[in-house]
Amino acid sequence: MVADKTVKETKGIPPAALVVALVVIFGAGFFVYLDRASHRPPPPPAPLTGEAKAYVRSLKLADVEMQKHESYLKQSVVEITGKIGNNGDRNLQMVEINCVFYDPYGQVVLRERVPIVSRKVGGLAPGELKNFRLAFDNVPESWNQALPQLVIAQIVFD
C-alpha cells in the first residue's frame, strides 16, 4: 500500500522582499535622523575662561585698517587688516575675535567670530607681533560703513 503524502506548501513573503523592506525602513530612518541633525543649530562657542580674560590685557591690536572693494563677482568685500601683539609671557595657539558690524542706528547687523591667530598661520609667542587679514563678503548693505567693533572672544594657550 502506497501512502499518499501530500506536501503542504505555505506561501509567505520571500526572504529577499523582507531584506529590501528592512533596508528601505532603515534608510528612511537614517535620512530623517540626518535631516533633523542638519537643522539643529551649532552649539554656541565657549566663552572666555577666567585665565583668558585676565590675559586679554596682554594682547594689543595695532594698525587696524579697513577697506571696502568689489570682488570679481561684483560682490562687496570688506577687508580688515592689522597686527596683533602678545605683550604677555605665554605662547598662544589660537586667538579668535568677534567682529561686530552696526547699522546707522547702532543695531547689530552682523556678528562673526573669526580667528586671527591659529595653527594654520602659526601661534603667537611672547613679544611677537603678527599681521592678520580678515575678509567679509556677507556684510549687509544696511551697515554704517564704520570699522566694526573687534572683541577678543577666545584665547587658547600652548
N, C-alpha and C. Protein backbone atom coordinates (compact mmCIF):
# COMPACT_ATOMS: atom_id res chain seq x y z
N MET A 1 0.82 -1.15 0.00
CA MET A 1 0.00 0.00 0.00
C MET A 1 0.88 1.23 0.00
N VAL A 2 0.58 2.08 -0.83
CA VAL A 2 1.39 3.28 -1.00
C VAL A 2 0.67 4.42 -0.31
N ALA A 3 1.40 5.00 0.56
CA ALA A 3 0.83 6.12 1.29
C ALA A 3 0.96 7.36 0.42
N ASP A 4 -0.09 8.07 0.36
CA ASP A 4 -0.09 9.29 -0.45
C ASP A 4 0.27 10.47 0.46
N LYS A 5 1.47 10.89 0.25
CA LYS A 5 1.92 12.01 1.07
C LYS A 5 1.70 13.29 0.28
N THR A 6 1.09 14.18 0.90
CA THR A 6 0.91 15.48 0.27
C THR A 6 1.76 16.50 1.02
N VAL A 7 2.43 17.25 0.28
CA VAL A 7 3.27 18.28 0.87
C VAL A 7 2.46 19.56 0.89
N LYS A 8 2.40 20.11 2.07
CA LYS A 8 1.67 21.37 2.19
C LYS A 8 2.63 22.51 1.88
N GLU A 9 2.23 23.32 0.97
CA GLU A 9 3.04 24.48 0.63
C GLU A 9 2.46 25.69 1.33
N THR A 10 3.32 26.36 2.01
CA THR A 10 2.88 27.60 2.65
C THR A 10 3.48 28.74 1.85
N LYS A 11 2.64 29.60 1.49
CA LYS A 11 3.10 30.76 0.73
C LYS A 11 3.27 31.91 1.69
N GLY A 12 4.45 32.46 1.72
CA GLY A 12 4.75 33.59 2.60
C GLY A 12 5.52 34.65 1.83
N ILE A 13 6.06 35.55 2.56
CA ILE A 13 6.83 36.63 1.95
C ILE A 13 8.23 36.09 1.66
N PRO A 14 8.70 36.30 0.45
CA PRO A 14 10.04 35.81 0.11
C PRO A 14 11.10 36.54 0.95
N PRO A 15 12.17 35.86 1.32
CA PRO A 15 13.21 36.49 2.15
C PRO A 15 13.83 37.72 1.50
N ALA A 16 13.97 37.71 0.20
CA ALA A 16 14.56 38.87 -0.48
C ALA A 16 13.69 40.11 -0.28
N ALA A 17 12.38 39.94 -0.30
CA ALA A 17 11.48 41.08 -0.10
C ALA A 17 11.61 41.61 1.32
N LEU A 18 11.81 40.74 2.30
CA LEU A 18 12.00 41.19 3.68
C LEU A 18 13.29 42.00 3.82
N VAL A 19 14.34 41.54 3.18
CA VAL A 19 15.61 42.26 3.24
C VAL A 19 15.46 43.64 2.61
N VAL A 20 14.84 43.72 1.46
CA VAL A 20 14.63 45.00 0.79
C VAL A 20 13.79 45.93 1.67
N ALA A 21 12.75 45.42 2.27
CA ALA A 21 11.89 46.23 3.13
C ALA A 21 12.66 46.76 4.33
N LEU A 22 13.49 45.91 4.96
CA LEU A 22 14.29 46.36 6.10
C LEU A 22 15.29 47.45 5.70
N VAL A 23 15.91 47.27 4.53
CA VAL A 23 16.87 48.28 4.06
C VAL A 23 16.17 49.61 3.81
N VAL A 24 15.01 49.58 3.22
CA VAL A 24 14.24 50.80 2.96
C VAL A 24 13.84 51.47 4.29
N ILE A 25 13.38 50.69 5.24
CA ILE A 25 12.96 51.26 6.53
C ILE A 25 14.15 51.88 7.26
N PHE A 26 15.28 51.16 7.33
CA PHE A 26 16.46 51.72 7.99
C PHE A 26 17.00 52.94 7.25
N GLY A 27 16.96 52.90 5.93
CA GLY A 27 17.42 54.05 5.13
C GLY A 27 16.57 55.28 5.38
N ALA A 28 15.24 55.09 5.43
CA ALA A 28 14.34 56.22 5.70
C ALA A 28 14.59 56.77 7.10
N GLY A 29 14.78 55.89 8.07
CA GLY A 29 15.05 56.35 9.43
C GLY A 29 16.36 57.13 9.51
N PHE A 30 17.38 56.65 8.83
CA PHE A 30 18.68 57.33 8.81
C PHE A 30 18.55 58.69 8.14
N PHE A 31 17.79 58.77 7.05
CA PHE A 31 17.57 60.05 6.37
C PHE A 31 16.88 61.05 7.28
N VAL A 32 15.85 60.62 8.00
CA VAL A 32 15.15 61.52 8.93
C VAL A 32 16.10 62.00 10.02
N TYR A 33 16.92 61.10 10.55
CA TYR A 33 17.90 61.49 11.57
C TYR A 33 18.86 62.56 11.05
N LEU A 34 19.43 62.33 9.86
CA LEU A 34 20.37 63.29 9.29
C LEU A 34 19.69 64.62 8.97
N ASP A 35 18.45 64.57 8.50
CA ASP A 35 17.73 65.79 8.19
C ASP A 35 17.50 66.63 9.44
N ARG A 36 17.10 66.00 10.52
CA ARG A 36 16.89 66.73 11.77
C ARG A 36 18.21 67.24 12.35
N ALA A 37 19.26 66.46 12.23
CA ALA A 37 20.56 66.87 12.76
C ALA A 37 21.10 68.08 11.98
N SER A 38 20.81 68.16 10.69
CA SER A 38 21.32 69.29 9.90
C SER A 38 20.59 70.59 10.22
N HIS A 39 19.39 70.52 10.75
CA HIS A 39 18.63 71.72 11.10
C HIS A 39 18.88 72.18 12.53
N ARG A 40 19.62 71.40 13.28
CA ARG A 40 19.94 71.77 14.66
C ARG A 40 20.98 72.87 14.66
N PRO A 41 20.80 73.93 15.43
CA PRO A 41 21.82 74.99 15.43
C PRO A 41 23.10 74.49 16.07
N PRO A 42 24.24 75.03 15.61
CA PRO A 42 25.50 74.60 16.20
C PRO A 42 25.59 75.06 17.64
N PRO A 43 26.34 74.36 18.45
CA PRO A 43 26.46 74.78 19.85
C PRO A 43 27.16 76.13 19.93
N PRO A 44 26.79 76.96 20.89
CA PRO A 44 27.45 78.26 21.00
C PRO A 44 28.92 78.09 21.35
N PRO A 45 29.75 78.99 20.85
CA PRO A 45 31.17 78.88 21.17
C PRO A 45 31.42 79.10 22.66
N ALA A 46 32.49 78.51 23.13
CA ALA A 46 32.81 78.61 24.55
C ALA A 46 33.18 80.05 24.90
N PRO A 47 32.74 80.53 26.05
CA PRO A 47 33.11 81.88 26.48
C PRO A 47 34.56 81.91 26.95
N LEU A 48 35.08 83.12 27.11
CA LEU A 48 36.44 83.28 27.61
C LEU A 48 36.55 82.71 29.02
N THR A 49 37.59 81.97 29.27
CA THR A 49 37.84 81.47 30.62
C THR A 49 38.37 82.62 31.47
N GLY A 50 38.38 82.45 32.76
CA GLY A 50 38.91 83.47 33.66
C GLY A 50 40.37 83.77 33.36
N GLU A 51 41.12 82.72 33.08
CA GLU A 51 42.53 82.86 32.74
C GLU A 51 42.71 83.68 31.46
N ALA A 52 41.85 83.40 30.46
CA ALA A 52 41.92 84.13 29.19
C ALA A 52 41.49 85.59 29.37
N LYS A 53 40.46 85.81 30.19
CA LYS A 53 40.01 87.20 30.45
C LYS A 53 41.14 88.02 31.05
N ALA A 54 41.88 87.44 31.96
CA ALA A 54 43.00 88.16 32.58
C ALA A 54 44.11 88.41 31.56
N TYR A 55 44.28 87.51 30.60
CA TYR A 55 45.38 87.64 29.63
C TYR A 55 45.04 88.62 28.51
N VAL A 56 43.77 88.95 28.32
CA VAL A 56 43.36 89.86 27.25
C VAL A 56 44.13 91.17 27.33
N ARG A 57 44.44 91.62 28.53
CA ARG A 57 45.18 92.87 28.71
C ARG A 57 46.57 92.81 28.08
N SER A 58 47.09 91.61 27.88
CA SER A 58 48.42 91.44 27.31
C SER A 58 48.42 91.42 25.78
N LEU A 59 47.24 91.43 25.19
CA LEU A 59 47.14 91.42 23.73
C LEU A 59 46.78 92.82 23.24
N LYS A 60 47.45 93.23 22.20
CA LYS A 60 47.22 94.57 21.65
C LYS A 60 46.98 94.47 20.14
N LEU A 61 45.89 95.10 19.69
CA LEU A 61 45.63 95.22 18.26
C LEU A 61 46.20 96.56 17.82
N ALA A 62 46.93 96.58 16.70
CA ALA A 62 47.55 97.80 16.22
C ALA A 62 47.39 97.91 14.71
N ASP A 63 47.48 99.12 14.21
CA ASP A 63 47.43 99.41 12.76
C ASP A 63 46.22 98.78 12.08
N VAL A 64 45.09 98.79 12.75
CA VAL A 64 43.88 98.19 12.18
C VAL A 64 43.30 99.14 11.15
N GLU A 65 43.13 98.64 9.95
CA GLU A 65 42.58 99.42 8.84
C GLU A 65 41.51 98.62 8.14
N MET A 66 40.62 99.35 7.46
CA MET A 66 39.53 98.70 6.76
C MET A 66 39.46 99.24 5.34
N GLN A 67 39.19 98.34 4.41
CA GLN A 67 38.97 98.72 3.02
C GLN A 67 37.74 98.00 2.53
N LYS A 68 37.01 98.67 1.66
CA LYS A 68 35.85 98.05 1.03
C LYS A 68 36.09 98.09 -0.47
N HIS A 69 35.95 96.95 -1.12
CA HIS A 69 36.12 96.90 -2.57
C HIS A 69 35.17 95.87 -3.15
N GLU A 70 35.15 95.81 -4.47
CA GLU A 70 34.25 94.89 -5.15
C GLU A 70 35.04 93.71 -5.70
N SER A 71 34.52 92.51 -5.51
CA SER A 71 35.20 91.31 -6.00
C SER A 71 34.93 91.13 -7.49
N TYR A 72 35.57 90.11 -8.05
CA TYR A 72 35.37 89.80 -9.46
C TYR A 72 33.92 89.43 -9.76
N LEU A 73 33.22 88.95 -8.76
CA LEU A 73 31.83 88.55 -8.94
C LEU A 73 30.87 89.69 -8.64
N LYS A 74 31.39 90.93 -8.61
CA LYS A 74 30.60 92.13 -8.34
C LYS A 74 29.96 92.07 -6.96
N GLN A 75 30.67 91.48 -6.04
CA GLN A 75 30.20 91.37 -4.67
C GLN A 75 31.05 92.28 -3.80
N SER A 76 30.41 92.97 -2.86
CA SER A 76 31.12 93.88 -1.97
C SER A 76 31.91 93.08 -0.94
N VAL A 77 33.20 93.40 -0.79
CA VAL A 77 34.08 92.71 0.16
C VAL A 77 34.67 93.74 1.10
N VAL A 78 34.53 93.50 2.40
CA VAL A 78 35.14 94.35 3.42
C VAL A 78 36.35 93.61 3.94
N GLU A 79 37.49 94.29 3.89
CA GLU A 79 38.75 93.67 4.31
C GLU A 79 39.33 94.47 5.48
N ILE A 80 39.62 93.76 6.56
CA ILE A 80 40.21 94.39 7.75
C ILE A 80 41.60 93.81 7.92
N THR A 81 42.59 94.68 8.02
CA THR A 81 43.96 94.25 8.23
C THR A 81 44.49 94.91 9.49
N GLY A 82 45.48 94.29 10.08
CA GLY A 82 46.08 94.86 11.28
C GLY A 82 47.16 93.94 11.82
N LYS A 83 47.56 94.25 13.05
CA LYS A 83 48.58 93.45 13.73
C LYS A 83 48.09 93.15 15.13
N ILE A 84 48.48 91.98 15.61
CA ILE A 84 48.20 91.62 17.00
C ILE A 84 49.53 91.36 17.68
N GLY A 85 49.68 91.93 18.86
CA GLY A 85 50.91 91.76 19.61
C GLY A 85 50.65 91.04 20.92
N ASN A 86 51.58 90.18 21.30
CA ASN A 86 51.49 89.44 22.55
C ASN A 86 52.51 90.04 23.52
N ASN A 87 52.02 90.87 24.44
CA ASN A 87 52.90 91.50 25.43
C ASN A 87 52.98 90.69 26.71
N GLY A 88 52.38 89.51 26.72
CA GLY A 88 52.39 88.66 27.91
C GLY A 88 53.57 87.71 27.91
N ASP A 89 53.47 86.71 28.77
CA ASP A 89 54.57 85.75 28.93
C ASP A 89 54.19 84.33 28.53
N ARG A 90 53.11 84.18 27.77
CA ARG A 90 52.65 82.83 27.39
C ARG A 90 52.55 82.70 25.88
N ASN A 91 52.80 81.49 25.40
CA ASN A 91 52.60 81.18 23.98
C ASN A 91 51.12 80.99 23.73
N LEU A 92 50.64 81.51 22.60
CA LEU A 92 49.23 81.38 22.25
C LEU A 92 49.10 80.50 21.02
N GLN A 93 48.18 79.57 21.11
CA GLN A 93 47.92 78.66 20.00
C GLN A 93 46.84 79.24 19.08
N MET A 94 45.85 79.91 19.69
CA MET A 94 44.75 80.46 18.91
C MET A 94 44.18 81.69 19.60
N VAL A 95 43.82 82.68 18.79
CA VAL A 95 43.09 83.86 19.27
C VAL A 95 41.97 84.10 18.27
N GLU A 96 40.74 84.16 18.76
CA GLU A 96 39.58 84.47 17.93
C GLU A 96 38.99 85.79 18.38
N ILE A 97 38.45 86.54 17.41
CA ILE A 97 37.78 87.78 17.76
C ILE A 97 36.37 87.77 17.18
N ASN A 98 35.49 88.52 17.83
CA ASN A 98 34.16 88.80 17.29
C ASN A 98 34.25 90.12 16.56
N CYS A 99 33.84 90.13 15.31
CA CYS A 99 33.74 91.37 14.53
C CYS A 99 32.26 91.72 14.50
N VAL A 100 31.93 92.87 15.06
CA VAL A 100 30.53 93.27 15.19
C VAL A 100 30.29 94.50 14.32
N PHE A 101 29.45 94.34 13.30
CA PHE A 101 29.09 95.42 12.39
C PHE A 101 27.74 95.99 12.81
N TYR A 102 27.62 97.32 12.75
CA TYR A 102 26.41 98.01 13.18
C TYR A 102 25.78 98.76 12.01
N ASP A 103 24.48 99.07 12.14
CA ASP A 103 23.82 99.93 11.18
C ASP A 103 23.88 101.38 11.70
N PRO A 104 23.38 102.35 10.94
CA PRO A 104 23.46 103.75 11.39
C PRO A 104 22.72 104.02 12.71
N TYR A 105 21.83 103.13 13.11
CA TYR A 105 21.06 103.33 14.34
C TYR A 105 21.67 102.61 15.53
N GLY A 106 22.83 102.00 15.33
CA GLY A 106 23.52 101.31 16.42
C GLY A 106 23.06 99.89 16.64
N GLN A 107 22.26 99.34 15.73
CA GLN A 107 21.80 97.96 15.83
C GLN A 107 22.82 97.03 15.17
N VAL A 108 23.02 95.86 15.75
CA VAL A 108 23.95 94.87 15.19
C VAL A 108 23.35 94.29 13.91
N VAL A 109 24.12 94.35 12.82
CA VAL A 109 23.67 93.76 11.56
C VAL A 109 24.44 92.49 11.22
N LEU A 110 25.64 92.34 11.81
CA LEU A 110 26.41 91.12 11.59
C LEU A 110 27.40 90.95 12.73
N ARG A 111 27.46 89.76 13.26
CA ARG A 111 28.45 89.40 14.28
C ARG A 111 29.09 88.11 13.79
N GLU A 112 30.39 88.18 13.55
CA GLU A 112 31.08 87.00 13.05
C GLU A 112 32.34 86.76 13.87
N ARG A 113 32.53 85.52 14.26
CA ARG A 113 33.70 85.12 15.06
C ARG A 113 34.74 84.52 14.12
N VAL A 114 35.94 85.11 14.12
CA VAL A 114 36.98 84.68 13.20
C VAL A 114 38.32 84.57 13.92
N PRO A 115 39.16 83.62 13.49
CA PRO A 115 40.49 83.50 14.11
C PRO A 115 41.45 84.51 13.49
N ILE A 116 42.30 85.12 14.33
CA ILE A 116 43.37 85.96 13.81
C ILE A 116 44.73 85.33 14.10
N VAL A 117 44.76 84.38 15.03
CA VAL A 117 45.92 83.54 15.29
C VAL A 117 45.39 82.12 15.36
N SER A 118 46.01 81.21 14.62
CA SER A 118 45.55 79.81 14.63
C SER A 118 46.71 78.90 14.28
N ARG A 119 46.47 77.62 14.35
CA ARG A 119 47.51 76.64 13.98
C ARG A 119 47.91 76.81 12.52
N LYS A 120 46.93 77.18 11.71
CA LYS A 120 47.16 77.32 10.28
C LYS A 120 48.20 78.39 9.97
N VAL A 121 48.13 79.53 10.68
CA VAL A 121 49.07 80.63 10.43
C VAL A 121 50.20 80.66 11.44
N GLY A 122 50.18 79.75 12.39
CA GLY A 122 51.22 79.70 13.41
C GLY A 122 50.77 80.42 14.67
N GLY A 123 51.30 80.00 15.79
CA GLY A 123 50.93 80.59 17.07
C GLY A 123 51.54 81.97 17.26
N LEU A 124 51.40 82.49 18.45
CA LEU A 124 51.91 83.82 18.79
C LEU A 124 52.72 83.70 20.07
N ALA A 125 54.03 83.90 19.93
CA ALA A 125 54.94 83.78 21.07
C ALA A 125 54.97 85.09 21.86
N PRO A 126 55.43 85.05 23.10
CA PRO A 126 55.56 86.28 23.89
C PRO A 126 56.47 87.29 23.17
N GLY A 127 56.03 88.55 23.14
CA GLY A 127 56.79 89.61 22.50
C GLY A 127 56.65 89.65 20.98
N GLU A 128 55.91 88.74 20.39
CA GLU A 128 55.77 88.67 18.94
C GLU A 128 54.62 89.55 18.45
N LEU A 129 54.79 90.08 17.24
CA LEU A 129 53.77 90.89 16.56
C LEU A 129 53.46 90.18 15.26
N LYS A 130 52.19 89.92 14.99
CA LYS A 130 51.80 89.16 13.80
C LYS A 130 50.72 89.91 13.03
N ASN A 131 50.82 89.91 11.71
CA ASN A 131 49.82 90.53 10.85
C ASN A 131 48.60 89.63 10.74
N PHE A 132 47.43 90.24 10.54
CA PHE A 132 46.23 89.47 10.24
C PHE A 132 45.44 90.18 9.15
N ARG A 133 44.64 89.40 8.45
CA ARG A 133 43.78 89.90 7.38
C ARG A 133 42.45 89.16 7.46
N LEU A 134 41.38 89.92 7.53
CA LEU A 134 40.03 89.34 7.60
C LEU A 134 39.22 89.86 6.43
N ALA A 135 38.56 88.99 5.71
CA ALA A 135 37.72 89.39 4.58
C ALA A 135 36.28 88.97 4.85
N PHE A 136 35.36 89.88 4.62
CA PHE A 136 33.93 89.61 4.83
C PHE A 136 33.20 89.95 3.54
N ASP A 137 32.48 88.97 3.01
CA ASP A 137 31.68 89.22 1.81
C ASP A 137 30.18 89.13 2.10
N ASN A 138 29.83 89.07 3.36
CA ASN A 138 28.42 88.91 3.74
C ASN A 138 27.91 90.04 4.61
N VAL A 139 28.55 91.22 4.54
CA VAL A 139 28.10 92.35 5.35
C VAL A 139 26.88 92.97 4.67
N PRO A 140 25.77 93.12 5.41
CA PRO A 140 24.55 93.69 4.82
C PRO A 140 24.76 95.14 4.36
N GLU A 141 23.97 95.55 3.38
CA GLU A 141 24.05 96.92 2.86
C GLU A 141 23.66 97.95 3.91
N SER A 142 22.92 97.53 4.94
CA SER A 142 22.49 98.47 5.98
C SER A 142 23.61 98.82 6.95
N TRP A 143 24.80 98.28 6.75
CA TRP A 143 25.95 98.54 7.60
C TRP A 143 26.31 100.01 7.54
N ASN A 144 26.80 100.58 8.64
CA ASN A 144 27.08 102.02 8.72
C ASN A 144 28.43 102.42 8.12
N GLN A 145 29.14 101.53 7.47
CA GLN A 145 30.41 101.78 6.79
C GLN A 145 31.56 102.12 7.73
N ALA A 146 31.37 101.97 9.03
CA ALA A 146 32.43 102.25 10.01
C ALA A 146 33.16 100.95 10.35
N LEU A 147 34.36 101.10 10.89
CA LEU A 147 35.14 99.95 11.32
C LEU A 147 34.33 99.17 12.36
N PRO A 148 34.21 97.85 12.20
CA PRO A 148 33.43 97.08 13.18
C PRO A 148 34.13 97.05 14.53
N GLN A 149 33.36 96.73 15.54
CA GLN A 149 33.93 96.54 16.88
C GLN A 149 34.65 95.20 16.88
N LEU A 150 35.88 95.17 17.35
CA LEU A 150 36.68 93.95 17.41
C LEU A 150 36.88 93.58 18.87
N VAL A 151 36.33 92.42 19.26
CA VAL A 151 36.37 91.98 20.65
C VAL A 151 36.99 90.59 20.71
N ILE A 152 38.00 90.42 21.55
CA ILE A 152 38.64 89.11 21.68
C ILE A 152 37.64 88.14 22.30
N ALA A 153 37.39 87.04 21.60
CA ALA A 153 36.36 86.08 22.01
C ALA A 153 36.92 84.80 22.60
N GLN A 154 38.14 84.41 22.20
CA GLN A 154 38.70 83.18 22.72
C GLN A 154 40.23 83.21 22.62
N ILE A 155 40.86 82.66 23.64
CA ILE A 155 42.31 82.51 23.65
C ILE A 155 42.60 81.06 24.05
N VAL A 156 43.43 80.40 23.27
CA VAL A 156 43.86 79.04 23.58
C VAL A 156 45.37 79.10 23.78
N PHE A 157 45.81 78.68 24.96
CA PHE A 157 47.23 78.71 25.30
C PHE A 157 47.90 77.41 24.87
N ASP A 158 49.21 77.49 24.60
CA ASP A 158 50.00 76.29 24.30
C ASP A 158 50.19 75.46 25.54
